[in-house]
């Protein structure tokens, strides 16, 4: 009878140890998977921010190019090639990007866009001398906006894995 009791006790103890070990391993695997998902999610967000940031920069350069192209053609006495509808559509796209994804740039962009619209309107309706005066104010606002954009470049373009999460990964592997 004692032999049967000892063998049953050893089987029960072995099963309990096996169950505890598998539970701990499952918990560690679950924790590691959650950390992995968290890192992937943060990386996807950073990639998305970077793409939107790049789109913003490209569109701002297109706007600036349109204005400089307009000044060039006005200096030669020719009419503008780019219709105002195209210009305003691009302005709307930039404003939407800033409003949705880059609220920190909103105030500086407002000043920039005011000068940009004044200059573009003057290119269509005003004199070339007045365009040169407005262009100087536009250049100042463009430089200010560029400085602000460069300030936030690291925040929007950096795609890196945080070190504290890497440490946690090494614990579970």
C-alpha atoms as a PDB file:
ATOM      1  CA  UNK A   1       0.000   0.000   0.000  1.00  0.00           C
ATOM      2  CA  UNK A   2       2.833   2.383   0.820  1.00  0.00           C
ATOM      3  CA  UNK A   3       4.433   1.667  -2.535  1.00  0.00           C
ATOM      4  CA  UNK A   4       1.227   2.547  -4.370  1.00  0.00           C
ATOM      5  CA  UNK A   5       0.841   5.750  -2.352  1.00  0.00           C
ATOM      6  CA  UNK A   6       4.454   6.758  -3.002  1.00  0.00           C
ATOM      7  CA  UNK A   7       4.114   6.070  -6.725  1.00  0.00           C
ATOM      8  CA  UNK A   8       0.842   8.046  -6.931  1.00  0.00           C
ATOM      9  CA  UNK A   9       2.427  10.901  -5.002  1.00  0.00           C
ATOM     10  CA  UNK A  10       5.452  10.929  -7.326  1.00  0.00           C
ATOM     11  CA  UNK A  11       3.201  10.918 -10.405  1.00  0.00           C
ATOM     12  CA  UNK A  12       1.122  13.789  -8.971  1.00  0.00           C
ATOM     13  CA  UNK A  13       4.237  15.752  -8.007  1.00  0.00           C
ATOM     14  CA  UNK A  14       5.778  15.185 -11.460  1.00  0.00           C
ATOM     15  CA  UNK A  15       2.558  16.358 -13.133  1.00  0.00           C
ATOM     16  CA  UNK A  16       2.425  19.461 -10.940  1.00  0.00           C
ATOM     17  CA  UNK A  17       6.043  20.322 -11.744  1.00  0.00           C
ATOM     18  CA  UNK A  18       5.401  19.758 -15.453  1.00  0.00           C
ATOM     19  CA  UNK A  19       2.270  21.913 -15.343  1.00  0.00           C
ATOM     20  CA  UNK A  20       4.058  24.710 -13.445  1.00  0.00           C
ATOM     21  CA  UNK A  21       7.006  24.653 -15.852  1.00  0.00           C
ATOM     22  CA  UNK A  22       4.805  24.784 -18.960  1.00  0.00           C
ATOM     23  CA  UNK A  23       2.704  27.575 -17.421  1.00  0.00           C
ATOM     24  CA  UNK A  24       5.802  29.671 -16.698  1.00  0.00           C
ATOM     25  CA  UNK A  25       7.159  29.089 -20.212  1.00  0.00           C
ATOM     26  CA  UNK A  26       3.799  29.963 -21.778  1.00  0.00           C
ATOM     27  CA  UNK A  27       3.644  33.138 -19.688  1.00  0.00           C
ATOM     28  CA  UNK A  28       7.158  34.131 -20.793  1.00  0.00           C
ATOM     29  CA  UNK A  29       6.310  33.435 -24.442  1.00  0.00           C
ATOM     30  CA  UNK A  30       3.114  35.453 -24.140  1.00  0.00           C
ATOM     31  CA  UNK A  31       4.976  38.358 -22.530  1.00  0.00           C
ATOM     32  CA  UNK A  32       7.657  38.257 -25.240  1.00  0.00           C
ATOM     33  CA  UNK A  33       5.000  38.216 -27.973  1.00  0.00           C
ATOM     34  CA  UNK A  34       3.273  41.229 -26.427  1.00  0.00           C
ATOM     35  CA  UNK A  35       6.549  43.142 -26.297  1.00  0.00           C
ATOM     36  CA  UNK A  36       7.271  42.184 -29.889  1.00  0.00           C
ATOM     37  CA  UNK A  37       3.856  43.421 -31.011  1.00  0.00           C
ATOM     38  CA  UNK A  38       4.373  46.658 -29.092  1.00  0.00           C
ATOM     39  CA  UNK A  39       7.710  47.252 -30.796  1.00  0.00           C
ATOM     40  CA  UNK A  40       6.288  46.472 -34.234  1.00  0.00           C
ATOM     41  CA  UNK A  41       3.404  48.860 -33.626  1.00  0.00           C
ATOM     42  CA  UNK A  42       5.731  51.670 -32.539  1.00  0.00           C
ATOM     43  CA  UNK A  43       7.939  51.062 -35.558  1.00  0.00           C
ATOM     44  CA  UNK A  44       4.936  51.182 -37.909  1.00  0.00           C
ATOM     45  CA  UNK A  45       3.863  54.473 -36.361  1.00  0.00           C
ATOM     46  CA  UNK A  46       7.354  55.908 -36.845  1.00  0.00           C
ATOM     47  CA  UNK A  47       7.448  54.708 -40.470  1.00  0.00           C
ATOM     48  CA  UNK A  48       4.043  56.313 -41.060  1.00  0.00           C
ATOM     49  CA  UNK A  49       5.213  59.597 -39.487  1.00  0.00           C
ATOM     50  CA  UNK A  50       8.353  59.551 -41.589  1.00  0.00           C
ATOM     51  CA  UNK A  51       6.380  59.007 -44.805  1.00  0.00           C
ATOM     52  CA  UNK A  52       4.023  61.874 -43.969  1.00  0.00           C
ATOM     53  CA  UNK A  53       6.980  64.086 -43.052  1.00  0.00           C
ATOM     54  CA  UNK A  54       8.629  63.328 -46.386  1.00  0.00           C
ATOM     55  CA  UNK A  55       5.367  64.094 -48.213  1.00  0.00           C
ATOM     56  CA  UNK A  56       5.142  67.413 -46.382  1.00  0.00           C
ATOM     57  CA  UNK A  57       8.701  68.399 -47.301  1.00  0.00           C
ATOM     58  CA  UNK A  58       8.195  67.462 -50.961  1.00  0.00           C
ATOM     59  CA  UNK A  59       4.955  69.446 -51.195  1.00  0.00           C
ATOM     60  CA  UNK A  60       6.522  72.484 -49.521  1.00  0.00           C
ATOM     61  CA  UNK A  61       9.381  72.384 -52.012  1.00  0.00           C
ATOM     62  CA  UNK A  62       6.880  72.126 -54.878  1.00  0.00           C
ATOM     63  CA  UNK A  63       5.061  75.211 -53.580  1.00  0.00           C
ATOM     64  CA  UNK A  64       8.302  77.144 -53.280  1.00  0.00           C
ATOM     65  CA  UNK A  65       9.367  75.999 -56.737  1.00  0.00           C
ATOM     66  CA  UNK A  66       6.067  77.216 -58.213  1.00  0.00           C
ATOM     67  CA  UNK A  67       6.641  80.659 -56.729  1.00  0.00           C
ATOM     68  CA  UNK A  68      10.244  80.887 -57.912  1.00  0.00           C
ATOM     69  CA  UNK A  69       9.198  79.676 -61.344  1.00  0.00           C
ATOM     70  CA  UNK A  70       6.494  82.354 -61.397  1.00  0.00           C
ATOM     71  CA  UNK A  71       8.996  85.059 -60.460  1.00  0.00           C
ATOM     72  CA  UNK A  72      11.327  83.865 -63.195  1.00  0.00           C
ATOM     73  CA  UNK A  73       8.615  84.026 -65.851  1.00  0.00           C
ATOM     74  CA  UNK A  74       7.392  87.426 -64.608  1.00  0.00           C
ATOM     75  CA  UNK A  75      10.951  88.783 -64.798  1.00  0.00           C
ATOM     76  CA  UNK A  76      11.017  87.794 -68.463  1.00  0.00           C
ATOM     77  CA  UNK A  77       7.611  89.362 -69.076  1.00  0.00           C
ATOM     78  CA  UNK A  78       5.895  86.026 -69.687  1.00  0.00           C
ATOM     79  CA  UNK A  79       2.714  84.711 -68.114  1.00  0.00           C
ATOM     80  CA  UNK A  80       2.648  82.012 -65.446  1.00  0.00           C
ATOM     81  CA  UNK A  81       2.467  78.385 -66.504  1.00  0.00           C
ATOM     82  CA  UNK A  82       0.934  76.908 -63.349  1.00  0.00           C
ATOM     83  CA  UNK A  83      -2.756  77.734 -62.894  1.00  0.00           C
ATOM     84  CA  UNK A  84      -3.847  79.064 -59.525  1.00  0.00           C
ATOM     85  CA  UNK A  85      -6.123  76.033 -59.029  1.00  0.00           C
ATOM     86  CA  UNK A  86      -3.096  73.713 -59.025  1.00  0.00           C
ATOM     87  CA  UNK A  87      -1.340  76.001 -56.581  1.00  0.00           C
ATOM     88  CA  UNK A  88      -4.336  76.149 -54.228  1.00  0.00           C
ATOM     89  CA  UNK A  89      -4.828  72.361 -54.395  1.00  0.00           C
ATOM     90  CA  UNK A  90      -1.217  71.834 -53.347  1.00  0.00           C
ATOM     91  CA  UNK A  91      -1.659  74.389 -50.547  1.00  0.00           C
ATOM     92  CA  UNK A  92      -4.713  72.456 -49.345  1.00  0.00           C
ATOM     93  CA  UNK A  93      -2.770  69.191 -49.315  1.00  0.00           C
ATOM     94  CA  UNK A  94       0.009  70.771 -47.252  1.00  0.00           C
ATOM     95  CA  UNK A  95      -2.465  72.322 -44.816  1.00  0.00           C
ATOM     96  CA  UNK A  96      -4.205  68.966 -44.398  1.00  0.00           C
ATOM     97  CA  UNK A  97      -0.919  67.190 -43.693  1.00  0.00           C
ATOM     98  CA  UNK A  98       0.047  69.798 -41.112  1.00  0.00           C
ATOM     99  CA  UNK A  99      -3.349  69.839 -39.462  1.00  0.00           C
ATOM    100  CA  UNK A 100      -3.605  66.042 -39.177  1.00  0.00           C
ATOM    101  CA  UNK A 101      -0.024  64.982 -38.534  1.00  0.00           C
ATOM    102  CA  UNK A 102       2.140  67.962 -37.564  1.00  0.00           C
ATOM    103  CA  UNK A 103       0.216  70.306 -35.263  1.00  0.00           C
ATOM    104  CA  UNK A 104       3.476  71.709 -33.884  1.00  0.00           C
ATOM    105  CA  UNK A 105       4.162  73.310 -37.278  1.00  0.00           C
ATOM    106  CA  UNK A 106       0.737  74.898 -37.632  1.00  0.00           C
ATOM    107  CA  UNK A 107       1.529  78.395 -36.344  1.00  0.00           C
ATOM    108  CA  UNK A 108       4.693  78.804 -38.411  1.00  0.00           C
ATOM    109  CA  UNK A 109       2.993  77.418 -41.495  1.00  0.00           C
ATOM    110  CA  UNK A 110       0.171  79.974 -41.135  1.00  0.00           C
ATOM    111  CA  UNK A 111       2.693  82.825 -41.446  1.00  0.00           C
ATOM    112  CA  UNK A 112       4.445  81.107 -44.336  1.00  0.00           C
ATOM    113  CA  UNK A 113       1.208  80.437 -46.225  1.00  0.00           C
ATOM    114  CA  UNK A 114       0.026  84.036 -45.807  1.00  0.00           C
ATOM    115  CA  UNK A 115       3.227  85.318 -47.425  1.00  0.00           C
ATOM    116  CA  UNK A 116       3.032  82.596 -50.059  1.00  0.00           C
ATOM    117  CA  UNK A 117      -0.524  83.501 -51.054  1.00  0.00           C
ATOM    118  CA  UNK A 118       0.313  87.220 -51.094  1.00  0.00           C
ATOM    119  CA  UNK A 119       3.274  86.580 -53.361  1.00  0.00           C
ATOM    120  CA  UNK A 120       1.410  84.234 -55.698  1.00  0.00           C
ATOM    121  CA  UNK A 121      -1.502  86.676 -55.961  1.00  0.00           C
ATOM    122  CA  UNK A 122       0.926  89.488 -56.733  1.00  0.00           C
ATOM    123  CA  UNK A 123       2.485  87.354 -59.453  1.00  0.00           C
ATOM    124  CA  UNK A 124      -0.881  87.126 -61.198  1.00  0.00           C
ATOM    125  CA  UNK A 125      -2.222  90.611 -60.636  1.00  0.00           C
ATOM    126  CA  UNK A 126       0.509  92.956 -59.463  1.00  0.00           C
ATOM    127  CA  UNK A 127       3.702  94.536 -60.644  1.00  0.00           C
ATOM    128  CA  UNK A 128       7.060  92.809 -60.760  1.00  0.00           C
ATOM    129  CA  UNK A 129       8.616  95.400 -58.420  1.00  0.00           C
ATOM    130  CA  UNK A 130       5.986  94.664 -55.779  1.00  0.00           C
ATOM    131  CA  UNK A 131       6.661  90.936 -56.253  1.00  0.00           C
ATOM    132  CA  UNK A 132      10.302  91.486 -55.365  1.00  0.00           C
ATOM    133  CA  UNK A 133       9.341  93.257 -52.127  1.00  0.00           C
ATOM    134  CA  UNK A 134       6.874  90.542 -51.128  1.00  0.00           C
ATOM    135  CA  UNK A 135       9.398  87.862 -52.113  1.00  0.00           C
ATOM    136  CA  UNK A 136      11.817  89.141 -49.474  1.00  0.00           C
ATOM    137  CA  UNK A 137       9.162  88.757 -46.761  1.00  0.00           C
ATOM    138  CA  UNK A 138       8.299  85.334 -48.157  1.00  0.00           C
ATOM    139  CA  UNK A 139      11.947  84.251 -48.043  1.00  0.00           C
ATOM    140  CA  UNK A 140      12.164  85.264 -44.373  1.00  0.00           C
ATOM    141  CA  UNK A 141       9.067  83.230 -43.492  1.00  0.00           C
ATOM    142  CA  UNK A 142      10.299  80.285 -45.571  1.00  0.00           C
ATOM    143  CA  UNK A 143      13.600  80.315 -43.674  1.00  0.00           C
ATOM    144  CA  UNK A 144      11.770  80.423 -40.334  1.00  0.00           C
ATOM    145  CA  UNK A 145       9.544  77.512 -41.344  1.00  0.00           C
ATOM    146  CA  UNK A 146      12.560  75.527 -42.519  1.00  0.00           C
ATOM    147  CA  UNK A 147      14.263  76.033 -39.139  1.00  0.00           C
ATOM    148  CA  UNK A 148      11.154  74.869 -37.288  1.00  0.00           C
ATOM    149  CA  UNK A 149      10.820  71.839 -39.559  1.00  0.00           C
ATOM    150  CA  UNK A 150      14.461  70.946 -38.923  1.00  0.00           C
ATOM    151  CA  UNK A 151      13.843  71.201 -35.167  1.00  0.00           C
ATOM    152  CA  UNK A 152      11.198  68.492 -35.372  1.00  0.00           C
ATOM    153  CA  UNK A 153      13.015  66.342 -37.932  1.00  0.00           C
ATOM    154  CA  UNK A 154      14.362  63.873 -35.363  1.00  0.00           C
ATOM    155  CA  UNK A 155      10.948  63.406 -33.824  1.00  0.00           C
ATOM    156  CA  UNK A 156       9.308  62.621 -37.154  1.00  0.00           C
ATOM    157  CA  UNK A 157      12.043  60.777 -39.045  1.00  0.00           C
ATOM    158  CA  UNK A 158      13.815  58.593 -36.498  1.00  0.00           C
ATOM    159  CA  UNK A 159      13.017  54.904 -36.762  1.00  0.00           C
ATOM    160  CA  UNK A 160      14.770  53.179 -33.905  1.00  0.00           C
ATOM    161  CA  UNK A 161      14.008  50.460 -31.406  1.00  0.00           C
ATOM    162  CA  UNK A 162      13.954  51.790 -27.853  1.00  0.00           C
ATOM    163  CA  UNK A 163      16.785  50.327 -25.780  1.00  0.00           C
ATOM    164  CA  UNK A 164      14.646  49.475 -22.753  1.00  0.00           C
ATOM    165  CA  UNK A 165      12.601  47.042 -24.836  1.00  0.00           C
ATOM    166  CA  UNK A 166      15.712  45.425 -26.261  1.00  0.00           C
ATOM    167  CA  UNK A 167      16.833  44.671 -22.706  1.00  0.00           C
ATOM    168  CA  UNK A 168      13.521  42.955 -21.999  1.00  0.00           C
ATOM    169  CA  UNK A 169      13.897  40.829 -25.119  1.00  0.00           C
ATOM    170  CA  UNK A 170      17.258  39.531 -23.943  1.00  0.00           C
ATOM    171  CA  UNK A 171      15.720  38.408 -20.653  1.00  0.00           C
ATOM    172  CA  UNK A 172      13.161  36.186 -22.322  1.00  0.00           C
ATOM    173  CA  UNK A 173      15.372  34.620 -24.993  1.00  0.00           C
END
